[in-house]
Amino acid sequence: MDEGLLSQATRLGPVHLRVTDIPAALTVWRDTLGLALVNEDDATAKLGAGGRTLIVLHAGAQTPLPQKSRDLFHVAIHVTSRRDLAHAAARLKASGLRFSAQDHLVSESLYVSDPSGNGIEICFDTPERFLRREVSADGRVTLIAADGSAHSGLEPLDVPGLLRDLGNSGHVEQRMAADAFIGHIHMRARAPETLMEFYVGVLGFRPHIQSRTFGMFDCGTARRAHMIAFNIWARDELREPPPGAAGLDLFTVELASAEEFAAVALRLDAANAPSKKVNGAVETADPEGNRLRLVVQEG
């Protein structure tokens, strides 16, 4: 592993979200997206797939997260087959919820929000379609496909074509695939360059796209280049979320070893980043206040 860079085994763990009403949120997270309810009480609801917790909902938000607020843009649950994505699309279509779909060339994605305004992406990675990324002198990003064609990465996804992957049986799986996982998290930001100094320079993620022209900055690992992302697409319309708003409570970064965990903790101390130890984890916040929890992977 390169000195100071996180291992490619680094992954994202449970994402904690604030919601205004847990039962209402469950109509999306459980009933439509198909996550299994692991545990629920008056204050929280844990949901997951394959026996692993992916999302933790926290009651108590007073208002939904307004659009164009600095905070969560979306949390992305990745599936490992296009058929799983098609099942998710079929469930969304049957629910009557408003959703959108995009072809990013490197992935195919479905987008929806819960009643509290928390953005959700269901994503299937398609790296075999991607050849290279070109960045022009003025910072414009173009994706080149394996067949040589150029793409913006923002084309609409052919949902009817996706649904044809389910065949003619009419059967739709009602549960999220057991091997689904948190693949990336994406926030709206004010100063993405400063955020990248923290995620790259302190935590040790690898930089990926860093473009004000495209409006997005992201970072990840040698295995997953796009794990933590920030956009500035709202530009001058970006606002701070009001007090008591729904949105991101914290997300989890699962480090590959105790040695790596200790090295990151030392870098946080050297950078004078605010941090505290909680039950064997380290909790900190980036320069814009997005909270994250660092833990050592289990199994």
C-alpha atoms as a PDB file:
ATOM      1  CA  MET A   1       0.000   0.000   0.000  1.00  0.00           C
ATOM      2  CA  ASP A   2       1.251   3.503  -0.823  1.00  0.00           C
ATOM      3  CA  GLU A   3       2.391   5.410   2.257  1.00  0.00           C
ATOM      4  CA  GLY A   4      -0.449   7.377   3.804  1.00  0.00           C
ATOM      5  CA  LEU A   5      -3.112   5.989   1.461  1.00  0.00           C
ATOM      6  CA  LEU A   6      -5.976   3.817   2.634  1.00  0.00           C
ATOM      7  CA  SER A   7      -6.013   0.164   1.641  1.00  0.00           C
ATOM      8  CA  GLN A   8      -8.177  -0.866  -1.302  1.00  0.00           C
ATOM      9  CA  ALA A   9     -10.055  -3.055   1.199  1.00  0.00           C
ATOM     10  CA  THR A  10     -11.483   0.104   2.818  1.00  0.00           C
ATOM     11  CA  ARG A  11     -15.266   0.123   2.602  1.00  0.00           C
ATOM     12  CA  LEU A  12     -18.261   2.102   3.798  1.00  0.00           C
ATOM     13  CA  GLY A  13     -20.433   0.814   6.596  1.00  0.00           C
ATOM     14  CA  PRO A  14     -23.810   1.860   8.009  1.00  0.00           C
ATOM     15  CA  VAL A  15     -25.095   5.323   7.132  1.00  0.00           C
ATOM     16  CA  HIS A  16     -27.154   7.082   9.799  1.00  0.00           C
ATOM     17  CA  LEU A  17     -29.907   9.447   8.660  1.00  0.00           C
ATOM     18  CA  ARG A  18     -32.242  11.803  10.492  1.00  0.00           C
ATOM     19  CA  VAL A  19     -35.916  11.517   9.538  1.00  0.00           C
ATOM     20  CA  THR A  20     -39.110  13.287  10.563  1.00  0.00           C
ATOM     21  CA  ASP A  21     -41.145  10.081  10.849  1.00  0.00           C
ATOM     22  CA  ILE A  22     -39.784   6.531  10.940  1.00  0.00           C
ATOM     23  CA  PRO A  23     -42.997   4.733   9.835  1.00  0.00           C
ATOM     24  CA  ALA A  24     -43.266   7.048   6.826  1.00  0.00           C
ATOM     25  CA  ALA A  25     -39.605   6.500   5.974  1.00  0.00           C
ATOM     26  CA  LEU A  26     -40.058   2.729   6.150  1.00  0.00           C
ATOM     27  CA  THR A  27     -42.572   2.880   3.300  1.00  0.00           C
ATOM     28  CA  VAL A  28     -39.618   3.741   1.063  1.00  0.00           C
ATOM     29  CA  TRP A  29     -36.607   2.055   2.673  1.00  0.00           C
ATOM     30  CA  ARG A  30     -38.325  -1.228   3.567  1.00  0.00           C
ATOM     31  CA  ASP A  31     -41.508  -1.517   1.515  1.00  0.00           C
ATOM     32  CA  THR A  32     -40.209  -0.166  -1.813  1.00  0.00           C
ATOM     33  CA  LEU A  33     -36.426  -0.508  -1.793  1.00  0.00           C
ATOM     34  CA  GLY A  34     -36.698  -3.864  -0.061  1.00  0.00           C
ATOM     35  CA  LEU A  35     -34.268  -3.480   2.818  1.00  0.00           C
ATOM     36  CA  ALA A  36     -34.928  -5.832   5.724  1.00  0.00           C
ATOM     37  CA  LEU A  37     -35.894  -4.317   9.067  1.00  0.00           C
ATOM     38  CA  VAL A  38     -33.198  -5.500  11.466  1.00  0.00           C
ATOM     39  CA  ASN A  39     -34.352  -3.696  14.595  1.00  0.00           C
ATOM     40  CA  GLU A  40     -36.783  -0.915  15.487  1.00  0.00           C
ATOM     41  CA  ASP A  41     -37.707   1.121  18.554  1.00  0.00           C
ATOM     42  CA  ASP A  42     -39.226   4.553  19.129  1.00  0.00           C
ATOM     43  CA  ALA A  43     -35.968   6.338  18.276  1.00  0.00           C
ATOM     44  CA  THR A  44     -34.273   4.287  15.547  1.00  0.00           C
ATOM     45  CA  ALA A  45     -34.814   1.734  12.821  1.00  0.00           C
ATOM     46  CA  LYS A  46     -31.956  -0.374  11.469  1.00  0.00           C
ATOM     47  CA  LEU A  47     -32.277  -1.772   7.962  1.00  0.00           C
ATOM     48  CA  GLY A  48     -30.003  -3.966   5.920  1.00  0.00           C
ATOM     49  CA  ALA A  49     -29.451  -6.838   3.531  1.00  0.00           C
ATOM     50  CA  GLY A  50     -27.834 -10.229   3.921  1.00  0.00           C
ATOM     51  CA  GLY A  51     -27.679  -9.836   7.688  1.00  0.00           C
ATOM     52  CA  ARG A  52     -25.654  -6.586   7.528  1.00  0.00           C
ATOM     53  CA  THR A  53     -26.953  -3.196   8.646  1.00  0.00           C
ATOM     54  CA  LEU A  54     -26.741  -0.619   5.846  1.00  0.00           C
ATOM     55  CA  ILE A  55     -29.022   2.224   6.974  1.00  0.00           C
ATOM     56  CA  VAL A  56     -29.959   3.487  10.442  1.00  0.00           C
ATOM     57  CA  LEU A  57     -32.898   5.902  10.622  1.00  0.00           C
ATOM     58  CA  HIS A  58     -33.046   8.293  13.593  1.00  0.00           C
ATOM     59  CA  ALA A  59     -36.314   9.936  14.587  1.00  0.00           C
ATOM     60  CA  GLY A  60     -36.476  13.513  15.775  1.00  0.00           C
ATOM     61  CA  ALA A  61     -35.967  15.698  12.718  1.00  0.00           C
ATOM     62  CA  GLN A  62     -38.436  18.579  12.745  1.00  0.00           C
ATOM     63  CA  THR A  63     -38.528  19.290   9.017  1.00  0.00           C
ATOM     64  CA  PRO A  64     -37.549  17.525   5.783  1.00  0.00           C
ATOM     65  CA  LEU A  65     -34.188  18.419   4.294  1.00  0.00           C
ATOM     66  CA  PRO A  66     -34.879  21.201   1.771  1.00  0.00           C
ATOM     67  CA  GLN A  67     -33.603  20.839  -1.769  1.00  0.00           C
ATOM     68  CA  LYS A  68     -30.267  22.544  -2.440  1.00  0.00           C
ATOM     69  CA  SER A  69     -29.243  22.333   1.207  1.00  0.00           C
ATOM     70  CA  ARG A  70     -25.640  21.730   2.116  1.00  0.00           C
ATOM     71  CA  ASP A  71     -25.848  18.215   3.521  1.00  0.00           C
ATOM     72  CA  LEU A  72     -26.701  14.833   2.050  1.00  0.00           C
ATOM     73  CA  PHE A  73     -27.212  14.651  -1.720  1.00  0.00           C
ATOM     74  CA  HIS A  74     -27.677  10.879  -1.673  1.00  0.00           C
ATOM     75  CA  VAL A  75     -26.482   7.656  -0.130  1.00  0.00           C
ATOM     76  CA  ALA A  76     -25.844   4.941  -2.711  1.00  0.00           C
ATOM     77  CA  ILE A  77     -26.730   1.296  -2.215  1.00  0.00           C
ATOM     78  CA  HIS A  78     -24.933  -0.779  -4.837  1.00  0.00           C
ATOM     79  CA  VAL A  79     -26.233  -4.068  -6.241  1.00  0.00           C
ATOM     80  CA  THR A  80     -24.012  -6.594  -7.955  1.00  0.00           C
ATOM     81  CA  SER A  81     -26.128  -7.599 -10.971  1.00  0.00           C
ATOM     82  CA  ARG A  82     -28.169  -5.727 -13.566  1.00  0.00           C
ATOM     83  CA  ARG A  83     -31.088  -8.030 -12.810  1.00  0.00           C
ATOM     84  CA  ASP A  84     -31.037  -6.846  -9.194  1.00  0.00           C
ATOM     85  CA  LEU A  85     -31.181  -3.259 -10.482  1.00  0.00           C
ATOM     86  CA  ALA A  86     -34.126  -4.236 -12.690  1.00  0.00           C
ATOM     87  CA  HIS A  87     -35.989  -5.674  -9.682  1.00  0.00           C
ATOM     88  CA  ALA A  88     -35.378  -2.387  -7.837  1.00  0.00           C
ATOM     89  CA  ALA A  89     -36.714  -0.444 -10.841  1.00  0.00           C
ATOM     90  CA  ALA A  90     -39.812  -2.639 -10.958  1.00  0.00           C
ATOM     91  CA  ARG A  91     -40.478  -2.058  -7.257  1.00  0.00           C
ATOM     92  CA  LEU A  92     -40.074   1.695  -7.698  1.00  0.00           C
ATOM     93  CA  LYS A  93     -42.382   1.711 -10.704  1.00  0.00           C
ATOM     94  CA  ALA A  94     -45.049  -0.270  -8.828  1.00  0.00           C
ATOM     95  CA  SER A  95     -44.821   2.024  -5.797  1.00  0.00           C
ATOM     96  CA  GLY A  96     -45.935   5.114  -7.685  1.00  0.00           C
ATOM     97  CA  LEU A  97     -43.062   7.097  -6.174  1.00  0.00           C
ATOM     98  CA  ARG A  98     -41.396   9.681  -8.351  1.00  0.00           C
ATOM     99  CA  PHE A  99     -37.954   8.442  -9.340  1.00  0.00           C
ATOM    100  CA  SER A 100     -35.354   9.104 -12.014  1.00  0.00           C
ATOM    101  CA  ALA A 101     -32.760   6.988 -13.770  1.00  0.00           C
ATOM    102  CA  GLN A 102     -29.387   7.853 -15.315  1.00  0.00           C
ATOM    103  CA  ASP A 103     -26.709   6.089 -17.311  1.00  0.00           C
ATOM    104  CA  HIS A 104     -23.324   7.251 -16.004  1.00  0.00           C
ATOM    105  CA  LEU A 105     -21.408   4.879 -18.339  1.00  0.00           C
ATOM    106  CA  VAL A 106     -19.395   3.626 -15.343  1.00  0.00           C
ATOM    107  CA  SER A 107     -22.691   2.710 -13.691  1.00  0.00           C
ATOM    108  CA  GLU A 108     -26.471   2.637 -14.101  1.00  0.00           C
ATOM    109  CA  SER A 109     -28.478   4.310 -11.360  1.00  0.00           C
ATOM    110  CA  LEU A 110     -31.973   4.828  -9.987  1.00  0.00           C
ATOM    111  CA  TYR A 111     -32.752   7.851  -7.801  1.00  0.00           C
ATOM    112  CA  VAL A 112     -35.516   8.435  -5.272  1.00  0.00           C
ATOM    113  CA  SER A 113     -35.947  10.291  -1.970  1.00  0.00           C
ATOM    114  CA  ASP A 114     -37.579   9.292   1.288  1.00  0.00           C
ATOM    115  CA  PRO A 115     -40.366  11.490   2.752  1.00  0.00           C
ATOM    116  CA  SER A 116     -37.750  13.410   4.777  1.00  0.00           C
ATOM    117  CA  GLY A 117     -35.860  14.497   1.660  1.00  0.00           C
ATOM    118  CA  ASN A 118     -32.950  12.094   2.093  1.00  0.00           C
ATOM    119  CA  GLY A 119     -31.656  11.237  -1.369  1.00  0.00           C
ATOM    120  CA  ILE A 120     -31.145   7.579  -2.297  1.00  0.00           C
ATOM    121  CA  GLU A 121     -29.340   5.991  -5.241  1.00  0.00           C
ATOM    122  CA  ILE A 122     -29.552   2.329  -6.232  1.00  0.00           C
ATOM    123  CA  CYS A 123     -26.494   1.676  -8.376  1.00  0.00           C
ATOM    124  CA  PHE A 124     -25.089  -1.098 -10.572  1.00  0.00           C
ATOM    125  CA  ASP A 125     -21.429  -0.665 -11.537  1.00  0.00           C
ATOM    126  CA  THR A 126     -20.511  -1.200 -15.208  1.00  0.00           C
ATOM    127  CA  PRO A 127     -16.741  -0.583 -15.374  1.00  0.00           C
ATOM    128  CA  GLU A 128     -16.366  -2.779 -18.461  1.00  0.00           C
ATOM    129  CA  ARG A 129     -18.144  -0.107 -20.549  1.00  0.00           C
ATOM    130  CA  PHE A 130     -15.637   2.597 -19.567  1.00  0.00           C
ATOM    131  CA  LEU A 131     -12.340   3.164 -21.393  1.00  0.00           C
ATOM    132  CA  ARG A 132     -10.972   6.447 -20.079  1.00  0.00           C
ATOM    133  CA  ARG A 133     -11.764   9.915 -18.776  1.00  0.00           C
ATOM    134  CA  GLU A 134     -10.682  13.033 -20.659  1.00  0.00           C
ATOM    135  CA  VAL A 135     -10.396  16.432 -19.007  1.00  0.00           C
ATOM    136  CA  SER A 136     -10.114  19.457 -21.265  1.00  0.00           C
ATOM    137  CA  ALA A 137      -7.939  22.497 -20.566  1.00  0.00           C
ATOM    138  CA  ASP A 138     -10.976  24.316 -19.158  1.00  0.00           C
ATOM    139  CA  GLY A 139     -11.808  21.424 -16.810  1.00  0.00           C
ATOM    140  CA  ARG A 140     -14.630  19.783 -18.765  1.00  0.00           C
ATOM    141  CA  VAL A 141     -14.912  16.031 -18.181  1.00  0.00           C
ATOM    142  CA  THR A 142     -15.771  13.600 -20.985  1.00  0.00           C
ATOM    143  CA  LEU A 143     -16.145   9.855 -20.524  1.00  0.00           C
ATOM    144  CA  ILE A 144     -14.957   7.650 -23.372  1.00  0.00           C
ATOM    145  CA  ALA A 145     -16.691   4.299 -23.736  1.00  0.00           C
ATOM    146  CA  ALA A 146     -15.034   1.028 -24.691  1.00  0.00           C
ATOM    147  CA  ASP A 147     -16.430   1.482 -28.219  1.00  0.00           C
ATOM    148  CA  GLY A 148     -14.782   4.923 -28.500  1.00  0.00           C
ATOM    149  CA  SER A 149     -17.974   6.973 -28.142  1.00  0.00           C
ATOM    150  CA  ALA A 150     -18.014  10.069 -25.921  1.00  0.00           C
ATOM    151  CA  HIS A 151     -20.449  10.492 -23.044  1.00  0.00           C
ATOM    152  CA  SER A 152     -21.319  13.113 -20.461  1.00  0.00           C
ATOM    153  CA  GLY A 153     -22.057  10.452 -17.870  1.00  0.00           C
ATOM    154  CA  LEU A 154     -25.466  12.047 -17.338  1.00  0.00           C
ATOM    155  CA  GLU A 155     -27.518  10.395 -20.086  1.00  0.00           C
ATOM    156  CA  PRO A 156     -30.989   9.044 -19.181  1.00  0.00           C
ATOM    157  CA  LEU A 157     -31.181   5.330 -18.451  1.00  0.00           C
ATOM    158  CA  ASP A 158     -33.470   3.214 -20.629  1.00  0.00           C
ATOM    159  CA  VAL A 159     -35.782   1.938 -17.873  1.00  0.00           C
ATOM    160  CA  PRO A 160     -38.063  -0.119 -20.188  1.00  0.00           C
ATOM    161  CA  GLY A 161     -34.932  -1.789 -21.540  1.00  0.00           C
ATOM    162  CA  LEU A 162     -33.730  -2.443 -18.008  1.00  0.00           C
ATOM    163  CA  LEU A 163     -37.058  -4.011 -17.047  1.00  0.00           C
ATOM    164  CA  ARG A 164     -36.783  -6.409 -19.983  1.00  0.00           C
ATOM    165  CA  ASP A 165     -33.967  -8.074 -18.038  1.00  0.00           C
ATOM    166  CA  LEU A 166     -36.700  -9.557 -15.839  1.00  0.00           C
ATOM    167  CA  GLY A 167     -38.147 -11.565 -18.712  1.00  0.00           C
ATOM    168  CA  ASN A 168     -41.830 -12.337 -19.136  1.00  0.00           C
ATOM    169  CA  SER A 169     -42.616 -14.112 -15.867  1.00  0.00           C
ATOM    170  CA  GLY A 170     -43.831 -10.966 -14.124  1.00  0.00           C
ATOM    171  CA  HIS A 171     -42.018 -12.001 -10.959  1.00  0.00           C
ATOM    172  CA  VAL A 172     -40.420  -9.164  -9.012  1.00  0.00           C
ATOM    173  CA  GLU A 173     -38.233  -9.808  -5.975  1.00  0.00           C
ATOM    174  CA  GLN A 174     -39.566  -7.812  -3.045  1.00  0.00           C
ATOM    175  CA  ARG A 175     -36.306  -7.821  -1.074  1.00  0.00           C
ATOM    176  CA  MET A 176     -33.051  -6.029  -1.781  1.00  0.00           C
ATOM    177  CA  ALA A 177     -30.342  -8.427  -2.975  1.00  0.00           C
ATOM    178  CA  ALA A 178     -28.494 -10.017  -0.049  1.00  0.00           C
ATOM    179  CA  ASP A 179     -25.096  -8.848  -1.330  1.00  0.00           C
ATOM    180  CA  ALA A 180     -26.094  -5.174  -1.693  1.00  0.00           C
ATOM    181  CA  PHE A 181     -23.719  -2.757   0.026  1.00  0.00           C
ATOM    182  CA  ILE A 182     -23.100   0.932   0.681  1.00  0.00           C
ATOM    183  CA  GLY A 183     -20.965   1.897  -2.311  1.00  0.00           C
ATOM    184  CA  HIS A 184     -20.650   5.650  -1.949  1.00  0.00           C
ATOM    185  CA  ILE A 185     -22.017   8.725  -0.243  1.00  0.00           C
ATOM    186  CA  HIS A 186     -22.496  12.085  -1.941  1.00  0.00           C
ATOM    187  CA  MET A 187     -22.964  15.497  -0.299  1.00  0.00           C
ATOM    188  CA  ARG A 188     -23.630  19.048  -1.429  1.00  0.00           C
ATOM    189  CA  ALA A 189     -20.690  21.259  -0.525  1.00  0.00           C
ATOM    190  CA  ARG A 190     -19.518  24.844  -0.243  1.00  0.00           C
ATOM    191  CA  ALA A 191     -15.740  24.393  -0.444  1.00  0.00           C
ATOM    192  CA  PRO A 192     -14.943  21.003  -2.017  1.00  0.00           C
ATOM    193  CA  GLU A 193     -11.222  21.715  -2.310  1.00  0.00           C
ATOM    194  CA  THR A 194     -11.017  22.125   1.465  1.00  0.00           C
ATOM    195  CA  LEU A 195     -13.016  18.934   1.948  1.00  0.00           C
ATOM    196  CA  MET A 196     -10.651  17.015  -0.336  1.00  0.00           C
ATOM    197  CA  GLU A 197      -7.701  18.240   1.725  1.00  0.00           C
ATOM    198  CA  PHE A 198      -9.319  16.452   4.662  1.00  0.00           C
ATOM    199  CA  TYR A 199     -10.426  13.248   2.933  1.00  0.00           C
ATOM    200  CA  VAL A 200      -7.267  12.871   0.838  1.00  0.00           C
ATOM    201  CA  GLY A 201      -4.596  14.608   2.877  1.00  0.00           C
ATOM    202  CA  VAL A 202      -5.696  13.499   6.340  1.00  0.00           C
ATOM    203  CA  LEU A 203      -7.808  10.357   6.026  1.00  0.00           C
ATOM    204  CA  GLY A 204      -5.854   8.937   3.078  1.00  0.00           C
ATOM    205  CA  PHE A 205      -8.401   8.463   0.281  1.00  0.00           C
ATOM    206  CA  ARG A 206      -7.188   8.717  -3.324  1.00  0.00           C
ATOM    207  CA  PRO A 207      -8.347  11.734  -5.376  1.00  0.00           C
ATOM    208  CA  HIS A 208     -10.476  11.022  -8.443  1.00  0.00           C
ATOM    209  CA  ILE A 209     -12.510  13.728 -10.229  1.00  0.00           C
ATOM    210  CA  GLN A 210     -11.606  17.241  -9.046  1.00  0.00           C
ATOM    211  CA  SER A 211     -13.465  19.636 -11.347  1.00  0.00           C
ATOM    212  CA  ARG A 212     -15.221  22.918 -10.641  1.00  0.00           C
ATOM    213  CA  THR A 213     -16.327  22.996 -14.284  1.00  0.00           C
ATOM    214  CA  PHE A 214     -18.074  19.630 -13.922  1.00  0.00           C
ATOM    215  CA  GLY A 215     -19.091  20.652 -10.421  1.00  0.00           C
ATOM    216  CA  MET A 216     -17.980  17.505  -8.629  1.00  0.00           C
ATOM    217  CA  PHE A 217     -15.087  16.351  -6.488  1.00  0.00           C
ATOM    218  CA  ASP A 218     -14.675  12.774  -5.296  1.00  0.00           C
ATOM    219  CA  CYS A 219     -12.218  10.313  -3.836  1.00  0.00           C
ATOM    220  CA  GLY A 220     -11.941   6.639  -3.005  1.00  0.00           C
ATOM    221  CA  THR A 221      -9.470   3.763  -3.072  1.00  0.00           C
ATOM    222  CA  ALA A 222      -7.512   1.861  -5.702  1.00  0.00           C
ATOM    223  CA  ARG A 223     -10.467  -0.545  -5.935  1.00  0.00           C
ATOM    224  CA  ARG A 224     -13.353   1.933  -5.713  1.00  0.00           C
ATOM    225  CA  ALA A 225     -12.433   5.385  -7.038  1.00  0.00           C
ATOM    226  CA  HIS A 226     -15.845   6.943  -6.254  1.00  0.00           C
ATOM    227  CA  MET A 227     -16.652   6.456  -2.565  1.00  0.00           C
ATOM    228  CA  ILE A 228     -17.046   9.951  -1.114  1.00  0.00           C
ATOM    229  CA  ALA A 229     -18.246  12.761  -3.355  1.00  0.00           C
ATOM    230  CA  PHE A 230     -19.173  16.429  -3.132  1.00  0.00           C
ATOM    231  CA  ASN A 231     -20.973  18.559  -5.693  1.00  0.00           C
ATOM    232  CA  ILE A 232     -21.409  22.307  -6.148  1.00  0.00           C
ATOM    233  CA  TRP A 233     -24.270  22.045  -8.626  1.00  0.00           C
ATOM    234  CA  ALA A 234     -26.530  24.308  -6.536  1.00  0.00           C
ATOM    235  CA  ARG A 235     -23.904  27.085  -6.880  1.00  0.00           C
ATOM    236  CA  ASP A 236     -25.234  30.364  -5.432  1.00  0.00           C
ATOM    237  CA  GLU A 237     -28.558  28.737  -4.472  1.00  0.00           C
ATOM    238  CA  LEU A 238     -26.905  26.476  -1.885  1.00  0.00           C
ATOM    239  CA  ARG A 239     -28.274  27.075   1.608  1.00  0.00           C
ATOM    240  CA  GLU A 240     -27.513  25.772   5.069  1.00  0.00           C
ATOM    241  CA  PRO A 241     -30.143  23.288   6.274  1.00  0.00           C
ATOM    242  CA  PRO A 242     -32.493  24.801   8.859  1.00  0.00           C
ATOM    243  CA  PRO A 243     -32.180  23.758  12.517  1.00  0.00           C
ATOM    244  CA  GLY A 244     -33.771  20.376  13.146  1.00  0.00           C
ATOM    245  CA  ALA A 245     -33.721  19.345   9.489  1.00  0.00           C
ATOM    246  CA  ALA A 246     -33.491  15.761   8.323  1.00  0.00           C
ATOM    247  CA  GLY A 247     -30.329  14.656   6.552  1.00  0.00           C
ATOM    248  CA  LEU A 248     -27.036  12.966   7.292  1.00  0.00           C
ATOM    249  CA  ASP A 249     -26.328  12.141  10.918  1.00  0.00           C
ATOM    250  CA  LEU A 250     -23.071  10.283  10.223  1.00  0.00           C
ATOM    251  CA  PHE A 251     -21.544   7.684   7.916  1.00  0.00           C
ATOM    252  CA  THR A 252     -19.122   4.877   8.658  1.00  0.00           C
ATOM    253  CA  VAL A 253     -15.703   4.177   7.155  1.00  0.00           C
ATOM    254  CA  GLU A 254     -14.545   0.612   7.810  1.00  0.00           C
ATOM    255  CA  LEU A 255     -10.744   0.371   7.789  1.00  0.00           C
ATOM    256  CA  ALA A 256      -8.920  -2.817   6.859  1.00  0.00           C
ATOM    257  CA  SER A 257      -6.824  -3.310   9.988  1.00  0.00           C
ATOM    258  CA  ALA A 258      -6.072  -2.072  13.486  1.00  0.00           C
ATOM    259  CA  GLU A 259      -2.758  -0.730  12.177  1.00  0.00           C
ATOM    260  CA  GLU A 260      -4.486   1.375   9.546  1.00  0.00           C
ATOM    261  CA  PHE A 261      -7.025   2.572  12.118  1.00  0.00           C
ATOM    262  CA  ALA A 262      -4.189   3.707  14.401  1.00  0.00           C
ATOM    263  CA  ALA A 263      -2.401   5.475  11.531  1.00  0.00           C
ATOM    264  CA  VAL A 264      -5.536   7.429  10.588  1.00  0.00           C
ATOM    265  CA  ALA A 265      -6.108   8.374  14.240  1.00  0.00           C
ATOM    266  CA  LEU A 266      -2.561   9.751  14.383  1.00  0.00           C
ATOM    267  CA  ARG A 267      -3.114  11.789  11.210  1.00  0.00           C
ATOM    268  CA  LEU A 268      -6.318  13.240  12.685  1.00  0.00           C
ATOM    269  CA  ASP A 269      -4.418  14.277  15.795  1.00  0.00           C
ATOM    270  CA  ALA A 270      -1.583  15.800  13.734  1.00  0.00           C
ATOM    271  CA  ALA A 271      -4.122  17.806  11.717  1.00  0.00           C
ATOM    272  CA  ASN A 272      -5.876  18.995  14.897  1.00  0.00           C
ATOM    273  CA  ALA A 273      -9.114  17.563  13.541  1.00  0.00           C
ATOM    274  CA  PRO A 274     -11.842  17.229  16.170  1.00  0.00           C
ATOM    275  CA  SER A 275     -12.225  13.584  17.160  1.00  0.00           C
ATOM    276  CA  LYS A 276     -13.343  11.403  20.033  1.00  0.00           C
ATOM    277  CA  LYS A 277     -13.231   7.699  20.838  1.00  0.00           C
ATOM    278  CA  VAL A 278     -16.607   5.995  21.222  1.00  0.00           C
ATOM    279  CA  ASN A 279     -16.782   2.267  21.989  1.00  0.00           C
ATOM    280  CA  GLY A 280     -13.602   1.461  20.103  1.00  0.00           C
ATOM    281  CA  ALA A 281     -14.456   3.737  17.163  1.00  0.00           C
ATOM    282  CA  VAL A 282     -13.192   7.221  16.368  1.00  0.00           C
ATOM    283  CA  GLU A 283     -15.778   9.852  15.485  1.00  0.00           C
ATOM    284  CA  THR A 284     -14.767  13.015  13.667  1.00  0.00           C
ATOM    285  CA  ALA A 285     -16.173  15.620  11.303  1.00  0.00           C
ATOM    286  CA  ASP A 286     -14.951  17.102   8.052  1.00  0.00           C
ATOM    287  CA  PRO A 287     -14.455  20.872   7.584  1.00  0.00           C
ATOM    288  CA  GLU A 288     -18.134  21.367   6.660  1.00  0.00           C
ATOM    289  CA  GLY A 289     -19.446  19.432   9.642  1.00  0.00           C
ATOM    290  CA  ASN A 290     -20.318  16.112   7.972  1.00  0.00           C
ATOM    291  CA  ARG A 291     -19.819  13.521  10.708  1.00  0.00           C
ATOM    292  CA  LEU A 292     -18.134  10.173  10.165  1.00  0.00           C
ATOM    293  CA  ARG A 293     -17.222   7.185  12.278  1.00  0.00           C
ATOM    294  CA  LEU A 294     -14.004   5.222  11.730  1.00  0.00           C
ATOM    295  CA  VAL A 295     -13.983   1.551  12.725  1.00  0.00           C
ATOM    296  CA  VAL A 296     -11.953  -1.575  12.052  1.00  0.00           C
ATOM    297  CA  GLN A 297     -13.680  -4.070   9.766  1.00  0.00           C
ATOM    298  CA  GLU A 298     -15.203  -7.168  11.264  1.00  0.00           C
ATOM    299  CA  GLY A 299     -14.718 -10.311   9.195  1.00  0.00           C
END
